[in-house]
Structure formats: structure tokens, C-alpha cells
């Protein structure tokens, strides 16, 4: 997202008379302060005054970038989405081995979830009581459905994946991921990353690649070792 002398932020409010470099640094500092706040406290306790007190900027500076705290939260979620999309390319690009690509994408998803699970939880918690955030949250979840469905359809055509409705299964898997990541990483203490990755990977692989018995047997062995 480009930073110019007079630009529109995701909230639609222009940041006036700010030099490009300074604007980027200021906006980043506000977002970092919001993310750090959510690591230890719920979104409902966040105030503009309290947020800006954690930066070197004035309360008025906040409104050069965001209309309100919901706009801040929306921007944080958009950055999380960017990390997920980037990591998913290992599988969605359809290059190389499907199973290893899926595993690499899921590991990246777990890494992003571990780092930003408190942001996911904040949006999920606030959505039911705010129509705007409810739309933002549903749009965030739905944005992955079509691309995952398309990849499933390609694997079905190749005979790697059983026949079922790819869009419905994509929706189920994506929402399972969101709920599980929030549960595991949305508050402290956070769950152990490798256990979360193992659980999510087992479900995805058992659903999409049940014919790859070697990979599934490997997960069964690892699960037995972890539980012993």
C-alpha cells in the first residue's frame, strides 16, 4: 500500500501534510501498539487515548489514519490476511508435489496464527455486536473459500482427492482453521505450535489426500509417539 503526501487510509480518511516516510512510520507505530495491546488485553478495553499513550504521538494523530478503533482492527486483520495468502502460495500455485505444498502452506498458516492469533480473536469476539466488523470477519473467512475450492477441484480432476462438493468442504476446512487457531493462539498461554500443525495437517490430508497412505501413516506414528 503506497504512502503519499495526501493519501486515503483503509478507513477512507486522508492523512494530511505528512511526509511519505514519516506517514509510514507513524501508521506502523499505531498498528504495532494496537497489536501489542491485544496480546494481553481484550479489544473492548482499548481506547484511542490508551493506544496513543503507548506511542510518541498525540491522540489527534490517530484520526489522520483511522476513523475509529474498528478501522484499526480491520487494518490489522488485513495484514494477517496478507501473511496467510503469502504462505498459502506453496499449495495454491499448483507447482510441485500437492501434499508437500499443502503441508508447507499449513505450517505457514500456523506460524501466522501463532503470531497474530490475538488479532483473530479480537475480530471474532467483536463481530457479533458490530455489523461492520461482522461483515469484515465474514469477508475475511470467505475470501479463502473460492481459491481453496479451485485447488481442490484441480486435485479431484487429477484423481488425488475424492469426489465431493469442493466449495462446501473448503468452507468447512477454512472455518475449522480459524476456530482452532483462535482457540490455540488467541490468548496466553498459547498452545504448542507443532501440536497444532499436526492436528490441522492430519484433518486436511485425511480429507483431501486419503489415498496418500504413507503420509497419513506418518502422522499416525507421530501422534502415537506424542501421546505415549
C-alpha atoms as a PDB file:
ATOM      1  CA  UNK A   1       0.000   0.000   0.000  1.00  0.00           C
ATOM      2  CA  UNK A   2       1.643   3.212  -1.155  1.00  0.00           C
ATOM      3  CA  UNK A   3       2.218   6.128   1.189  1.00  0.00           C
ATOM      4  CA  UNK A   4       1.922   9.560  -0.450  1.00  0.00           C
ATOM      5  CA  UNK A   5       1.781  13.080   0.895  1.00  0.00           C
ATOM      6  CA  UNK A   6      -2.011  13.102   0.793  1.00  0.00           C
ATOM      7  CA  UNK A   7      -3.454   9.593   0.666  1.00  0.00           C
ATOM      8  CA  UNK A   8      -6.519   7.665   1.741  1.00  0.00           C
ATOM      9  CA  UNK A   9      -6.112   5.184   4.551  1.00  0.00           C
ATOM     10  CA  UNK A  10      -8.148   1.926   4.709  1.00  0.00           C
ATOM     11  CA  UNK A  11     -10.642   3.866   6.794  1.00  0.00           C
ATOM     12  CA  UNK A  12     -11.058   6.372   3.972  1.00  0.00           C
ATOM     13  CA  UNK A  13      -9.637   9.309   5.956  1.00  0.00           C
ATOM     14  CA  UNK A  14      -6.761  11.216   4.290  1.00  0.00           C
ATOM     15  CA  UNK A  15      -3.524  11.713   6.199  1.00  0.00           C
ATOM     16  CA  UNK A  16      -2.772  15.373   5.517  1.00  0.00           C
ATOM     17  CA  UNK A  17       0.566  17.150   5.372  1.00  0.00           C
ATOM     18  CA  UNK A  18       2.548  14.042   6.288  1.00  0.00           C
ATOM     19  CA  UNK A  19       5.787  13.199   4.531  1.00  0.00           C
ATOM     20  CA  UNK A  20       5.669   9.716   2.933  1.00  0.00           C
ATOM     21  CA  UNK A  21       8.370   8.217   5.134  1.00  0.00           C
ATOM     22  CA  UNK A  22       7.031   9.761   8.298  1.00  0.00           C
ATOM     23  CA  UNK A  23       3.487   8.720   7.454  1.00  0.00           C
ATOM     24  CA  UNK A  24       4.509   5.097   7.027  1.00  0.00           C
ATOM     25  CA  UNK A  25       6.428   5.061  10.306  1.00  0.00           C
ATOM     26  CA  UNK A  26       3.622   6.737  12.228  1.00  0.00           C
ATOM     27  CA  UNK A  27       0.956   4.397  10.875  1.00  0.00           C
ATOM     28  CA  UNK A  28       3.149   1.379  11.600  1.00  0.00           C
ATOM     29  CA  UNK A  29       3.743   2.545  15.175  1.00  0.00           C
ATOM     30  CA  UNK A  30      -0.002   2.862  15.798  1.00  0.00           C
ATOM     31  CA  UNK A  31      -0.683  -0.584  14.362  1.00  0.00           C
ATOM     32  CA  UNK A  32       2.143  -2.096  16.423  1.00  0.00           C
ATOM     33  CA  UNK A  33       0.746  -0.517  19.581  1.00  0.00           C
ATOM     34  CA  UNK A  34      -2.685  -1.949  18.824  1.00  0.00           C
ATOM     35  CA  UNK A  35      -1.284  -5.408  18.163  1.00  0.00           C
ATOM     36  CA  UNK A  36       0.759  -5.338  21.374  1.00  0.00           C
ATOM     37  CA  UNK A  37      -2.276  -4.237  23.391  1.00  0.00           C
ATOM     38  CA  UNK A  38      -4.283  -7.206  22.114  1.00  0.00           C
ATOM     39  CA  UNK A  39      -1.557  -9.595  23.227  1.00  0.00           C
ATOM     40  CA  UNK A  40      -2.556  -9.045  26.839  1.00  0.00           C
ATOM     41  CA  UNK A  41      -5.968  -7.338  26.934  1.00  0.00           C
ATOM     42  CA  UNK A  42      -9.302  -7.667  25.100  1.00  0.00           C
ATOM     43  CA  UNK A  43     -10.320  -5.282  22.340  1.00  0.00           C
ATOM     44  CA  UNK A  44     -13.251  -3.949  24.406  1.00  0.00           C
ATOM     45  CA  UNK A  45     -10.759  -2.334  26.801  1.00  0.00           C
ATOM     46  CA  UNK A  46      -8.867  -0.500  24.067  1.00  0.00           C
ATOM     47  CA  UNK A  47      -9.310   3.278  23.846  1.00  0.00           C
ATOM     48  CA  UNK A  48      -7.769   5.785  21.451  1.00  0.00           C
ATOM     49  CA  UNK A  49      -6.179   7.635  24.350  1.00  0.00           C
ATOM     50  CA  UNK A  50      -4.708   4.497  25.825  1.00  0.00           C
ATOM     51  CA  UNK A  51      -3.479   3.321  22.437  1.00  0.00           C
ATOM     52  CA  UNK A  52      -1.733   6.569  21.598  1.00  0.00           C
ATOM     53  CA  UNK A  53      -0.215   6.793  25.067  1.00  0.00           C
ATOM     54  CA  UNK A  54       1.829   3.762  24.061  1.00  0.00           C
ATOM     55  CA  UNK A  55       3.275   5.739  21.134  1.00  0.00           C
ATOM     56  CA  UNK A  56       5.060   9.062  20.935  1.00  0.00           C
ATOM     57  CA  UNK A  57       2.189  10.582  19.001  1.00  0.00           C
ATOM     58  CA  UNK A  58      -0.829  12.603  20.052  1.00  0.00           C
ATOM     59  CA  UNK A  59      -4.398  11.345  20.247  1.00  0.00           C
ATOM     60  CA  UNK A  60      -5.284  13.542  17.261  1.00  0.00           C
ATOM     61  CA  UNK A  61      -2.699  11.742  15.137  1.00  0.00           C
ATOM     62  CA  UNK A  62      -4.757   8.560  15.338  1.00  0.00           C
ATOM     63  CA  UNK A  63      -7.536  10.168  13.323  1.00  0.00           C
ATOM     64  CA  UNK A  64      -5.188  11.011  10.457  1.00  0.00           C
ATOM     65  CA  UNK A  65      -5.119   7.281   9.727  1.00  0.00           C
ATOM     66  CA  UNK A  66      -8.280   5.703  11.121  1.00  0.00           C
ATOM     67  CA  UNK A  67     -11.852   6.816  11.685  1.00  0.00           C
ATOM     68  CA  UNK A  68     -12.146   4.670  14.801  1.00  0.00           C
ATOM     69  CA  UNK A  69     -10.735   1.650  16.608  1.00  0.00           C
ATOM     70  CA  UNK A  70     -12.750  -0.704  14.430  1.00  0.00           C
ATOM     71  CA  UNK A  71     -10.886   0.694  11.442  1.00  0.00           C
ATOM     72  CA  UNK A  72      -7.617  -0.064  13.211  1.00  0.00           C
ATOM     73  CA  UNK A  73      -8.753  -3.615  13.900  1.00  0.00           C
ATOM     74  CA  UNK A  74      -9.839  -4.050  10.284  1.00  0.00           C
ATOM     75  CA  UNK A  75      -6.395  -2.968   9.093  1.00  0.00           C
ATOM     76  CA  UNK A  76      -4.668  -5.379  11.481  1.00  0.00           C
ATOM     77  CA  UNK A  77      -6.834  -8.214  10.169  1.00  0.00           C
ATOM     78  CA  UNK A  78      -5.993  -7.257   6.594  1.00  0.00           C
ATOM     79  CA  UNK A  79      -2.294  -7.570   7.406  1.00  0.00           C
ATOM     80  CA  UNK A  80      -2.880 -11.009   8.902  1.00  0.00           C
ATOM     81  CA  UNK A  81      -4.689 -11.992   5.720  1.00  0.00           C
ATOM     82  CA  UNK A  82      -1.680 -10.878   3.678  1.00  0.00           C
ATOM     83  CA  UNK A  83       0.575 -13.215   5.652  1.00  0.00           C
ATOM     84  CA  UNK A  84      -1.796 -16.142   5.210  1.00  0.00           C
ATOM     85  CA  UNK A  85      -2.143 -15.555   1.461  1.00  0.00           C
ATOM     86  CA  UNK A  86       1.606 -15.330   1.002  1.00  0.00           C
ATOM     87  CA  UNK A  87       2.201 -18.591   2.845  1.00  0.00           C
ATOM     88  CA  UNK A  88      -0.606 -20.391   1.010  1.00  0.00           C
ATOM     89  CA  UNK A  89       1.054 -19.920  -2.368  1.00  0.00           C
ATOM     90  CA  UNK A  90       3.119 -23.057  -1.778  1.00  0.00           C
ATOM     91  CA  UNK A  91      -0.079 -25.049  -2.298  1.00  0.00           C
ATOM     92  CA  UNK A  92      -2.379 -22.748  -4.270  1.00  0.00           C
ATOM     93  CA  UNK A  93       0.224 -22.199  -7.001  1.00  0.00           C
ATOM     94  CA  UNK A  94      -0.231 -25.864  -8.017  1.00  0.00           C
ATOM     95  CA  UNK A  95       3.516 -26.241  -8.512  1.00  0.00           C
ATOM     96  CA  UNK A  96       5.355 -29.296  -7.234  1.00  0.00           C
ATOM     97  CA  UNK A  97       4.013 -32.061  -5.009  1.00  0.00           C
ATOM     98  CA  UNK A  98       0.468 -31.422  -3.773  1.00  0.00           C
ATOM     99  CA  UNK A  99       0.988 -32.992  -0.340  1.00  0.00           C
ATOM    100  CA  UNK A 100       4.247 -31.226   0.489  1.00  0.00           C
ATOM    101  CA  UNK A 101       2.839 -27.959  -0.851  1.00  0.00           C
ATOM    102  CA  UNK A 102      -0.213 -28.317   1.381  1.00  0.00           C
ATOM    103  CA  UNK A 103       1.913 -29.131   4.410  1.00  0.00           C
ATOM    104  CA  UNK A 104       4.153 -26.113   3.792  1.00  0.00           C
ATOM    105  CA  UNK A 105       1.122 -23.851   3.446  1.00  0.00           C
ATOM    106  CA  UNK A 106      -0.438 -25.182   6.624  1.00  0.00           C
ATOM    107  CA  UNK A 107       2.801 -24.720   8.536  1.00  0.00           C
ATOM    108  CA  UNK A 108       2.903 -21.106   7.380  1.00  0.00           C
ATOM    109  CA  UNK A 109      -0.737 -20.716   8.441  1.00  0.00           C
ATOM    110  CA  UNK A 110       0.087 -21.989  11.919  1.00  0.00           C
ATOM    111  CA  UNK A 111       3.078 -19.632  12.139  1.00  0.00           C
ATOM    112  CA  UNK A 112       0.879 -16.655  11.229  1.00  0.00           C
ATOM    113  CA  UNK A 113      -1.808 -17.826  13.638  1.00  0.00           C
ATOM    114  CA  UNK A 114       0.710 -18.162  16.454  1.00  0.00           C
ATOM    115  CA  UNK A 115       1.994 -14.631  15.873  1.00  0.00           C
ATOM    116  CA  UNK A 116      -1.375 -12.959  15.306  1.00  0.00           C
ATOM    117  CA  UNK A 117      -3.942 -15.195  16.998  1.00  0.00           C
ATOM    118  CA  UNK A 118      -4.930 -12.424  19.391  1.00  0.00           C
ATOM    119  CA  UNK A 119      -5.952 -10.251  16.422  1.00  0.00           C
ATOM    120  CA  UNK A 120      -8.116 -13.044  15.029  1.00  0.00           C
ATOM    121  CA  UNK A 121      -9.718 -13.470  18.440  1.00  0.00           C
ATOM    122  CA  UNK A 122     -10.333  -9.732  18.816  1.00  0.00           C
ATOM    123  CA  UNK A 123     -12.187  -9.515  15.498  1.00  0.00           C
ATOM    124  CA  UNK A 124     -14.109 -12.727  16.124  1.00  0.00           C
ATOM    125  CA  UNK A 125     -15.174 -11.557  19.587  1.00  0.00           C
ATOM    126  CA  UNK A 126     -16.197  -8.080  18.437  1.00  0.00           C
ATOM    127  CA  UNK A 127     -18.008  -9.160  15.262  1.00  0.00           C
ATOM    128  CA  UNK A 128     -21.305 -10.380  16.794  1.00  0.00           C
ATOM    129  CA  UNK A 129     -22.003  -6.983  18.377  1.00  0.00           C
ATOM    130  CA  UNK A 130     -20.923  -4.798  15.460  1.00  0.00           C
ATOM    131  CA  UNK A 131     -22.415  -5.124  11.960  1.00  0.00           C
ATOM    132  CA  UNK A 132     -19.374  -3.617  10.290  1.00  0.00           C
ATOM    133  CA  UNK A 133     -16.897  -5.994  11.909  1.00  0.00           C
ATOM    134  CA  UNK A 134     -19.276  -8.885  11.374  1.00  0.00           C
ATOM    135  CA  UNK A 135     -19.112  -8.165   7.637  1.00  0.00           C
ATOM    136  CA  UNK A 136     -15.330  -7.745   7.773  1.00  0.00           C
ATOM    137  CA  UNK A 137     -14.906 -11.067   9.600  1.00  0.00           C
ATOM    138  CA  UNK A 138     -17.176 -12.990   7.235  1.00  0.00           C
ATOM    139  CA  UNK A 139     -15.460 -11.432   4.227  1.00  0.00           C
ATOM    140  CA  UNK A 140     -12.095 -12.441   5.663  1.00  0.00           C
ATOM    141  CA  UNK A 141     -13.215 -16.054   6.097  1.00  0.00           C
ATOM    142  CA  UNK A 142     -14.981 -16.240   2.740  1.00  0.00           C
ATOM    143  CA  UNK A 143     -12.033 -14.792   0.843  1.00  0.00           C
ATOM    144  CA  UNK A 144     -10.217 -18.116   1.112  1.00  0.00           C
ATOM    145  CA  UNK A 145     -13.126 -20.340   0.085  1.00  0.00           C
ATOM    146  CA  UNK A 146     -13.016 -19.892  -3.689  1.00  0.00           C
ATOM    147  CA  UNK A 147      -9.253 -20.322  -4.066  1.00  0.00           C
ATOM    148  CA  UNK A 148      -9.170 -23.411  -1.847  1.00  0.00           C
ATOM    149  CA  UNK A 149     -12.177 -24.819  -3.691  1.00  0.00           C
ATOM    150  CA  UNK A 150     -10.421 -24.271  -7.031  1.00  0.00           C
ATOM    151  CA  UNK A 151      -7.317 -26.121  -5.828  1.00  0.00           C
ATOM    152  CA  UNK A 152      -9.441 -28.998  -4.523  1.00  0.00           C
ATOM    153  CA  UNK A 153     -11.207 -29.221  -7.904  1.00  0.00           C
ATOM    154  CA  UNK A 154      -7.859 -29.492  -9.702  1.00  0.00           C
ATOM    155  CA  UNK A 155      -6.747 -32.302  -7.408  1.00  0.00           C
ATOM    156  CA  UNK A 156     -10.075 -34.062  -7.912  1.00  0.00           C
ATOM    157  CA  UNK A 157      -9.564 -33.898 -11.674  1.00  0.00           C
ATOM    158  CA  UNK A 158      -6.125 -35.487 -11.204  1.00  0.00           C
ATOM    159  CA  UNK A 159      -7.546 -38.243  -9.031  1.00  0.00           C
ATOM    160  CA  UNK A 160      -5.676 -37.153  -5.889  1.00  0.00           C
ATOM    161  CA  UNK A 161      -8.794 -36.121  -3.998  1.00  0.00           C
ATOM    162  CA  UNK A 162     -12.159 -37.918  -3.639  1.00  0.00           C
ATOM    163  CA  UNK A 163     -15.290 -36.528  -5.252  1.00  0.00           C
ATOM    164  CA  UNK A 164     -17.318 -34.202  -3.022  1.00  0.00           C
ATOM    165  CA  UNK A 165     -18.548 -30.613  -3.182  1.00  0.00           C
ATOM    166  CA  UNK A 166     -15.233 -28.695  -3.139  1.00  0.00           C
ATOM    167  CA  UNK A 167     -16.704 -25.360  -2.063  1.00  0.00           C
ATOM    168  CA  UNK A 168     -18.584 -26.755   0.929  1.00  0.00           C
ATOM    169  CA  UNK A 169     -15.539 -28.693   2.094  1.00  0.00           C
ATOM    170  CA  UNK A 170     -13.315 -25.634   1.574  1.00  0.00           C
ATOM    171  CA  UNK A 171     -15.672 -23.585   3.771  1.00  0.00           C
ATOM    172  CA  UNK A 172     -15.658 -26.251   6.468  1.00  0.00           C
ATOM    173  CA  UNK A 173     -11.862 -26.579   6.484  1.00  0.00           C
ATOM    174  CA  UNK A 174     -11.250 -22.823   6.476  1.00  0.00           C
ATOM    175  CA  UNK A 175     -13.616 -22.206   9.378  1.00  0.00           C
ATOM    176  CA  UNK A 176     -12.163 -25.130  11.266  1.00  0.00           C
ATOM    177  CA  UNK A 177      -8.750 -23.500  10.875  1.00  0.00           C
ATOM    178  CA  UNK A 178      -9.978 -20.124  12.103  1.00  0.00           C
ATOM    179  CA  UNK A 179     -11.734 -21.525  15.146  1.00  0.00           C
ATOM    180  CA  UNK A 180      -8.876 -23.819  16.073  1.00  0.00           C
ATOM    181  CA  UNK A 181      -6.203 -21.137  15.668  1.00  0.00           C
ATOM    182  CA  UNK A 182      -8.191 -18.728  17.835  1.00  0.00           C
ATOM    183  CA  UNK A 183      -8.621 -21.409  20.461  1.00  0.00           C
ATOM    184  CA  UNK A 184      -4.924 -22.326  20.379  1.00  0.00           C
ATOM    185  CA  UNK A 185      -3.294 -18.917  19.968  1.00  0.00           C
ATOM    186  CA  UNK A 186      -5.926 -16.281  20.808  1.00  0.00           C
ATOM    187  CA  UNK A 187      -4.818 -15.895  24.416  1.00  0.00           C
ATOM    188  CA  UNK A 188      -1.925 -16.770  26.695  1.00  0.00           C
ATOM    189  CA  UNK A 189      -0.546 -19.281  27.330  1.00  0.00           C
ATOM    190  CA  UNK A 190      -0.529 -20.252  23.682  1.00  0.00           C
ATOM    191  CA  UNK A 191      -0.642 -23.867  22.585  1.00  0.00           C
ATOM    192  CA  UNK A 192       2.449 -25.604  21.248  1.00  0.00           C
ATOM    193  CA  UNK A 193       2.808 -24.873  17.535  1.00  0.00           C
ATOM    194  CA  UNK A 194       3.869 -28.329  16.424  1.00  0.00           C
ATOM    195  CA  UNK A 195       0.856 -29.995  18.033  1.00  0.00           C
ATOM    196  CA  UNK A 196      -1.494 -27.527  16.360  1.00  0.00           C
ATOM    197  CA  UNK A 197       0.193 -28.052  12.997  1.00  0.00           C
ATOM    198  CA  UNK A 198      -0.030 -31.823  13.384  1.00  0.00           C
ATOM    199  CA  UNK A 199      -3.750 -31.709  14.174  1.00  0.00           C
ATOM    200  CA  UNK A 200      -4.673 -29.340  11.339  1.00  0.00           C
ATOM    201  CA  UNK A 201      -2.484 -31.164   8.826  1.00  0.00           C
ATOM    202  CA  UNK A 202      -3.978 -34.527   9.714  1.00  0.00           C
ATOM    203  CA  UNK A 203      -7.510 -33.257   9.091  1.00  0.00           C
ATOM    204  CA  UNK A 204      -6.648 -31.582   5.777  1.00  0.00           C
ATOM    205  CA  UNK A 205      -4.650 -34.542   4.468  1.00  0.00           C
ATOM    206  CA  UNK A 206      -7.193 -37.129   5.590  1.00  0.00           C
ATOM    207  CA  UNK A 207      -9.874 -35.117   3.785  1.00  0.00           C
ATOM    208  CA  UNK A 208      -8.060 -34.139   0.599  1.00  0.00           C
ATOM    209  CA  UNK A 209      -5.416 -36.820   0.144  1.00  0.00           C
ATOM    210  CA  UNK A 210      -6.708 -40.010   1.778  1.00  0.00           C
ATOM    211  CA  UNK A 211      -5.046 -42.104  -0.929  1.00  0.00           C
ATOM    212  CA  UNK A 212      -1.600 -40.988   0.248  1.00  0.00           C
ATOM    213  CA  UNK A 213      -1.374 -43.672   2.937  1.00  0.00           C
ATOM    214  CA  UNK A 214       2.345 -43.140   3.521  1.00  0.00           C
ATOM    215  CA  UNK A 215       1.815 -39.540   4.642  1.00  0.00           C
ATOM    216  CA  UNK A 216      -1.201 -40.426   6.794  1.00  0.00           C
ATOM    217  CA  UNK A 217       0.669 -43.342   8.387  1.00  0.00           C
ATOM    218  CA  UNK A 218       3.457 -40.899   9.231  1.00  0.00           C
ATOM    219  CA  UNK A 219       1.001 -38.654  11.045  1.00  0.00           C
ATOM    220  CA  UNK A 220      -0.429 -41.647  12.905  1.00  0.00           C
ATOM    221  CA  UNK A 221       3.054 -42.654  14.024  1.00  0.00           C
ATOM    222  CA  UNK A 222       3.877 -39.139  15.141  1.00  0.00           C
ATOM    223  CA  UNK A 223       0.593 -38.914  17.011  1.00  0.00           C
ATOM    224  CA  UNK A 224       1.250 -42.182  18.806  1.00  0.00           C
ATOM    225  CA  UNK A 225       4.722 -41.028  19.768  1.00  0.00           C
ATOM    226  CA  UNK A 226       3.399 -37.726  21.103  1.00  0.00           C
ATOM    227  CA  UNK A 227       0.721 -39.463  23.161  1.00  0.00           C
ATOM    228  CA  UNK A 228       3.000 -42.144  24.565  1.00  0.00           C
END
